[in-house]
Amino acid sequence: MIKTGKPIEEKDIVVNTERLSNLGILDNETIKQAKQLMKAHLNLAKYCLNQGYSITVHYGNGEGKEDCEYSTDFKNIKECVEACDEAYMNIYNQNKQQVGWAYIVFGNDDNELVSDYGDNKFMNDWFDSYQTMYEEVR
């Protein structure tokens, strides 16, 4: 539900964004951001950054993308991950200790772009919240 008098938060966007745009309720940038969050890898990146974590991207050969090591810049992470057909996102806490990882495969449906991920509480919590959001919004 969108609350009046407050800025719209990502968690509040659980309605038909096209309809809201036509009604003039949401601006195009907000709709664009909401659509991005439907993509599993971008949702995961936002989830991690909101926790204060950083992300390193690499392409399976053990080498990281130099400008995307311990990054906290969403746009930079998006560009690095989407530069190849497949990528790994390694997630680190503030002490640069790895707290999770995800294998991204493009060509899958939006909710299956994260093709595999580390089985731990942090990643399972993200996946559960993402699946709930995806099912409600879809």
C-alpha atoms as a PDB file:
ATOM      1  CA  MET A   1       0.000   0.000   0.000  1.00  0.00           C
ATOM      2  CA  ILE A   2       1.291   3.464  -0.859  1.00  0.00           C
ATOM      3  CA  LYS A   3       1.225   5.773   2.140  1.00  0.00           C
ATOM      4  CA  THR A   4       0.412   9.403   1.458  1.00  0.00           C
ATOM      5  CA  GLY A   5       2.619  12.149   2.792  1.00  0.00           C
ATOM      6  CA  LYS A   6       5.727   9.946   2.790  1.00  0.00           C
ATOM      7  CA  PRO A   7       8.249   9.146   0.070  1.00  0.00           C
ATOM      8  CA  ILE A   8       7.486   5.911  -1.741  1.00  0.00           C
ATOM      9  CA  GLU A   9       9.727   3.090  -0.598  1.00  0.00           C
ATOM     10  CA  GLU A  10      10.571  -0.021  -2.616  1.00  0.00           C
ATOM     11  CA  LYS A  11       8.641  -2.203  -0.178  1.00  0.00           C
ATOM     12  CA  ASP A  12       5.501  -0.138  -0.835  1.00  0.00           C
ATOM     13  CA  ILE A  13       5.462  -0.874  -4.563  1.00  0.00           C
ATOM     14  CA  VAL A  14       3.210  -3.928  -4.713  1.00  0.00           C
ATOM     15  CA  VAL A  15       0.660  -2.667  -7.216  1.00  0.00           C
ATOM     16  CA  ASN A  16       0.304  -2.400 -10.987  1.00  0.00           C
ATOM     17  CA  THR A  17       2.912   0.229 -11.880  1.00  0.00           C
ATOM     18  CA  GLU A  18       1.609   0.815 -15.419  1.00  0.00           C
ATOM     19  CA  ARG A  19      -1.835   1.712 -14.095  1.00  0.00           C
ATOM     20  CA  LEU A  20      -0.344   4.070 -11.522  1.00  0.00           C
ATOM     21  CA  SER A  21       1.724   5.768 -14.205  1.00  0.00           C
ATOM     22  CA  ASN A  22      -1.366   6.295 -16.341  1.00  0.00           C
ATOM     23  CA  LEU A  23      -3.093   7.836 -13.339  1.00  0.00           C
ATOM     24  CA  GLY A  24      -0.098  10.101 -12.714  1.00  0.00           C
ATOM     25  CA  ILE A  25       0.559   8.568  -9.296  1.00  0.00           C
ATOM     26  CA  LEU A  26       4.087   7.322  -9.972  1.00  0.00           C
ATOM     27  CA  ASP A  27       6.757   8.952 -12.086  1.00  0.00           C
ATOM     28  CA  ASN A  28       8.601   6.984 -14.758  1.00  0.00           C
ATOM     29  CA  GLU A  29      11.813   6.709 -12.698  1.00  0.00           C
ATOM     30  CA  THR A  30       9.978   5.050  -9.807  1.00  0.00           C
ATOM     31  CA  ILE A  31       8.327   2.620 -12.215  1.00  0.00           C
ATOM     32  CA  LYS A  32      11.678   1.837 -13.828  1.00  0.00           C
ATOM     33  CA  GLN A  33      13.198   1.094 -10.410  1.00  0.00           C
ATOM     34  CA  ALA A  34      10.254  -1.125  -9.471  1.00  0.00           C
ATOM     35  CA  LYS A  35      10.593  -3.118 -12.694  1.00  0.00           C
ATOM     36  CA  GLN A  36      14.316  -3.565 -12.051  1.00  0.00           C
ATOM     37  CA  LEU A  37      13.578  -5.101  -8.661  1.00  0.00           C
ATOM     38  CA  MET A  38      11.577  -7.842 -10.377  1.00  0.00           C
ATOM     39  CA  LYS A  39      14.885  -9.131 -11.801  1.00  0.00           C
ATOM     40  CA  ALA A  40      16.395 -11.476  -9.240  1.00  0.00           C
ATOM     41  CA  HIS A  41      20.020 -10.326  -9.595  1.00  0.00           C
ATOM     42  CA  LEU A  42      19.127  -6.639  -9.222  1.00  0.00           C
ATOM     43  CA  ASN A  43      16.828  -7.375  -6.309  1.00  0.00           C
ATOM     44  CA  LEU A  44      19.666  -9.267  -4.637  1.00  0.00           C
ATOM     45  CA  ALA A  45      22.094  -6.400  -5.254  1.00  0.00           C
ATOM     46  CA  LYS A  46      19.685  -3.881  -3.669  1.00  0.00           C
ATOM     47  CA  TYR A  47      19.036  -6.237  -0.755  1.00  0.00           C
ATOM     48  CA  CYS A  48      22.773  -6.546  -0.089  1.00  0.00           C
ATOM     49  CA  LEU A  49      23.482  -2.838  -0.419  1.00  0.00           C
ATOM     50  CA  ASN A  50      20.590  -2.039   1.929  1.00  0.00           C
ATOM     51  CA  GLN A  51      22.319  -4.265   4.518  1.00  0.00           C
ATOM     52  CA  GLY A  52      25.513  -2.211   4.130  1.00  0.00           C
ATOM     53  CA  TYR A  53      27.267  -5.008   2.242  1.00  0.00           C
ATOM     54  CA  SER A  54      29.471  -4.840  -0.835  1.00  0.00           C
ATOM     55  CA  ILE A  55      29.561  -6.985  -3.968  1.00  0.00           C
ATOM     56  CA  THR A  56      32.396  -8.301  -6.102  1.00  0.00           C
ATOM     57  CA  VAL A  57      31.576  -9.520  -9.612  1.00  0.00           C
ATOM     58  CA  HIS A  58      33.551 -12.129 -11.499  1.00  0.00           C
ATOM     59  CA  TYR A  59      32.929 -14.238 -14.579  1.00  0.00           C
ATOM     60  CA  GLY A  60      33.783 -17.758 -13.451  1.00  0.00           C
ATOM     61  CA  ASN A  61      37.478 -17.706 -14.240  1.00  0.00           C
ATOM     62  CA  GLY A  62      38.387 -16.521 -10.750  1.00  0.00           C
ATOM     63  CA  GLU A  63      39.139 -13.015 -11.937  1.00  0.00           C
ATOM     64  CA  GLY A  64      37.057 -10.135 -10.657  1.00  0.00           C
ATOM     65  CA  LYS A  65      35.985  -7.173 -12.705  1.00  0.00           C
ATOM     66  CA  GLU A  66      38.514  -4.618 -11.486  1.00  0.00           C
ATOM     67  CA  ASP A  67      36.033  -1.766 -11.129  1.00  0.00           C
ATOM     68  CA  CYS A  68      33.569  -4.010  -9.315  1.00  0.00           C
ATOM     69  CA  GLU A  69      35.455  -5.300  -6.295  1.00  0.00           C
ATOM     70  CA  TYR A  70      33.744  -4.644  -2.962  1.00  0.00           C
ATOM     71  CA  SER A  71      31.449  -2.234  -4.778  1.00  0.00           C
ATOM     72  CA  THR A  72      28.574  -0.446  -3.092  1.00  0.00           C
ATOM     73  CA  ASP A  73      27.487   1.346  -6.271  1.00  0.00           C
ATOM     74  CA  PHE A  74      24.259  -0.223  -7.617  1.00  0.00           C
ATOM     75  CA  LYS A  75      24.694   1.131 -11.152  1.00  0.00           C
ATOM     76  CA  ASN A  76      28.280  -0.121 -11.311  1.00  0.00           C
ATOM     77  CA  ILE A  77      27.309  -3.577 -10.023  1.00  0.00           C
ATOM     78  CA  LYS A  78      24.455  -3.791 -12.555  1.00  0.00           C
ATOM     79  CA  GLU A  79      26.767  -2.874 -15.434  1.00  0.00           C
ATOM     80  CA  CYS A  80      29.439  -5.368 -14.351  1.00  0.00           C
ATOM     81  CA  VAL A  81      27.030  -8.263 -13.820  1.00  0.00           C
ATOM     82  CA  GLU A  82      25.256  -7.650 -17.113  1.00  0.00           C
ATOM     83  CA  ALA A  83      28.477  -7.380 -19.143  1.00  0.00           C
ATOM     84  CA  CYS A  84      28.548 -11.152 -19.840  1.00  0.00           C
ATOM     85  CA  ASP A  85      26.104 -14.027 -20.276  1.00  0.00           C
ATOM     86  CA  GLU A  86      27.022 -15.438 -16.862  1.00  0.00           C
ATOM     87  CA  ALA A  87      28.476 -13.880 -13.739  1.00  0.00           C
ATOM     88  CA  TYR A  88      29.057 -14.541 -10.066  1.00  0.00           C
ATOM     89  CA  MET A  89      28.187 -12.046  -7.359  1.00  0.00           C
ATOM     90  CA  ASN A  90      30.166 -12.501  -4.150  1.00  0.00           C
ATOM     91  CA  ILE A  91      28.681 -10.639  -1.206  1.00  0.00           C
ATOM     92  CA  TYR A  92      30.783  -9.262   1.644  1.00  0.00           C
ATOM     93  CA  ASN A  93      29.997  -7.669   4.995  1.00  0.00           C
ATOM     94  CA  GLN A  94      31.662  -4.497   6.264  1.00  0.00           C
ATOM     95  CA  ASN A  95      34.717  -6.536   7.390  1.00  0.00           C
ATOM     96  CA  LYS A  96      35.129  -7.947   3.856  1.00  0.00           C
ATOM     97  CA  GLN A  97      34.061 -11.401   5.041  1.00  0.00           C
ATOM     98  CA  GLN A  98      32.044 -13.272   2.441  1.00  0.00           C
ATOM     99  CA  VAL A  99      28.429 -13.746   3.540  1.00  0.00           C
ATOM    100  CA  GLY A 100      27.019 -15.192   0.320  1.00  0.00           C
ATOM    101  CA  TRP A 101      27.320 -15.722  -3.395  1.00  0.00           C
ATOM    102  CA  ALA A 102      25.033 -16.013  -6.400  1.00  0.00           C
ATOM    103  CA  TYR A 103      25.454 -17.428  -9.905  1.00  0.00           C
ATOM    104  CA  ILE A 104      23.680 -15.275 -12.491  1.00  0.00           C
ATOM    105  CA  VAL A 105      22.629 -16.712 -15.872  1.00  0.00           C
ATOM    106  CA  PHE A 106      21.087 -14.374 -18.420  1.00  0.00           C
ATOM    107  CA  GLY A 107      18.462 -15.813 -20.715  1.00  0.00           C
ATOM    108  CA  ASN A 108      16.476 -17.197 -17.789  1.00  0.00           C
ATOM    109  CA  ASP A 109      13.196 -15.629 -16.682  1.00  0.00           C
ATOM    110  CA  ASP A 110      13.516 -12.585 -14.408  1.00  0.00           C
ATOM    111  CA  ASN A 111      12.831 -14.623 -11.271  1.00  0.00           C
ATOM    112  CA  GLU A 112      15.370 -17.270 -12.296  1.00  0.00           C
ATOM    113  CA  LEU A 113      18.291 -15.023 -13.229  1.00  0.00           C
ATOM    114  CA  VAL A 114      19.896 -16.053  -9.933  1.00  0.00           C
ATOM    115  CA  SER A 115      20.407 -19.613 -11.072  1.00  0.00           C
ATOM    116  CA  ASP A 116      22.171 -20.805  -7.906  1.00  0.00           C
ATOM    117  CA  TYR A 117      23.255 -19.304  -4.613  1.00  0.00           C
ATOM    118  CA  GLY A 118      24.994 -20.216  -1.380  1.00  0.00           C
ATOM    119  CA  ASP A 119      22.788 -22.045   1.081  1.00  0.00           C
ATOM    120  CA  ASN A 120      22.994 -19.956   4.244  1.00  0.00           C
ATOM    121  CA  LYS A 121      20.654 -17.840   6.364  1.00  0.00           C
ATOM    122  CA  PHE A 122      21.473 -14.546   4.634  1.00  0.00           C
ATOM    123  CA  MET A 123      20.873 -15.879   1.129  1.00  0.00           C
ATOM    124  CA  ASN A 124      17.818 -17.911   2.130  1.00  0.00           C
ATOM    125  CA  ASP A 125      16.280 -14.836   3.811  1.00  0.00           C
ATOM    126  CA  TRP A 126      16.837 -12.839   0.617  1.00  0.00           C
ATOM    127  CA  PHE A 127      15.368 -15.590  -1.557  1.00  0.00           C
ATOM    128  CA  ASP A 128      12.282 -15.965   0.627  1.00  0.00           C
ATOM    129  CA  SER A 129      11.603 -12.209   0.605  1.00  0.00           C
ATOM    130  CA  TYR A 130      12.243 -12.004  -3.153  1.00  0.00           C
ATOM    131  CA  GLN A 131       9.919 -14.921  -3.947  1.00  0.00           C
ATOM    132  CA  THR A 132       7.160 -13.409  -1.812  1.00  0.00           C
ATOM    133  CA  MET A 133       7.510 -10.032  -3.516  1.00  0.00           C
ATOM    134  CA  TYR A 134       7.686 -11.582  -6.989  1.00  0.00           C
ATOM    135  CA  GLU A 135       4.536 -13.634  -6.482  1.00  0.00           C
ATOM    136  CA  GLU A 136       2.597 -10.679  -5.044  1.00  0.00           C
ATOM    137  CA  VAL A 137       3.585  -8.231  -7.769  1.00  0.00           C
ATOM    138  CA  ARG A 138       3.481 -10.557 -10.746  1.00  0.00           C
END
